[in-house]
Amino acid sequence: MEPEEYKDELNRMKEEFETELENLSAGEIELEEELMRLLAWRNAYFDSISILTEKNDPLNNGAIQKLSTRRNDLEIKIEEKVIALDNLKRENEDNYIVYSQLLESTKRLME
C-alpha cells in the first residue's frame, strides 16, 4: 500500500471510529436518562408503599402487595440497565483508546 493510500485508509478508519464513539456516547446518554426515569418511578413506589403502610388499614394490603411487586420488577429492570450502562461505558472507553491510538498513528504518518 502506498503512503497516500495508507493515509486515506487511516482517515477512513478515523471517521468510522468518530461515528462509533458518537453513537456510543448517545446510547450512553439515553441509557442514563432511562435509568433516571426508572429510579424516579422506584422512589414513587417506595413513597406510595410508605404512605399506605403508615395508614395501617388492612384494606390497603392488596395495593401494598401490588406496589411491592411492581417495585421489585422495577428493581430488576434498574439492575439490568445499570449492567448495560456499565458495559456500554466499558466499550466506549475501549473504543476511545483505539481511537486515540489511531489518531496518534495518523499524526505521525502525516508528519
Foldseek 3Di string as FASTA:
>chain_A
DDLVVVLVVLVVVLVVLVVVLVVLVVVLVVLVVVLVVLVVVLVVLVVVLVVLVVVVDPVCPVVNVVSVVVSVVSVVVSVVSVVVSVVSVVVSVVSVVVSVVSVVVSVVSVD
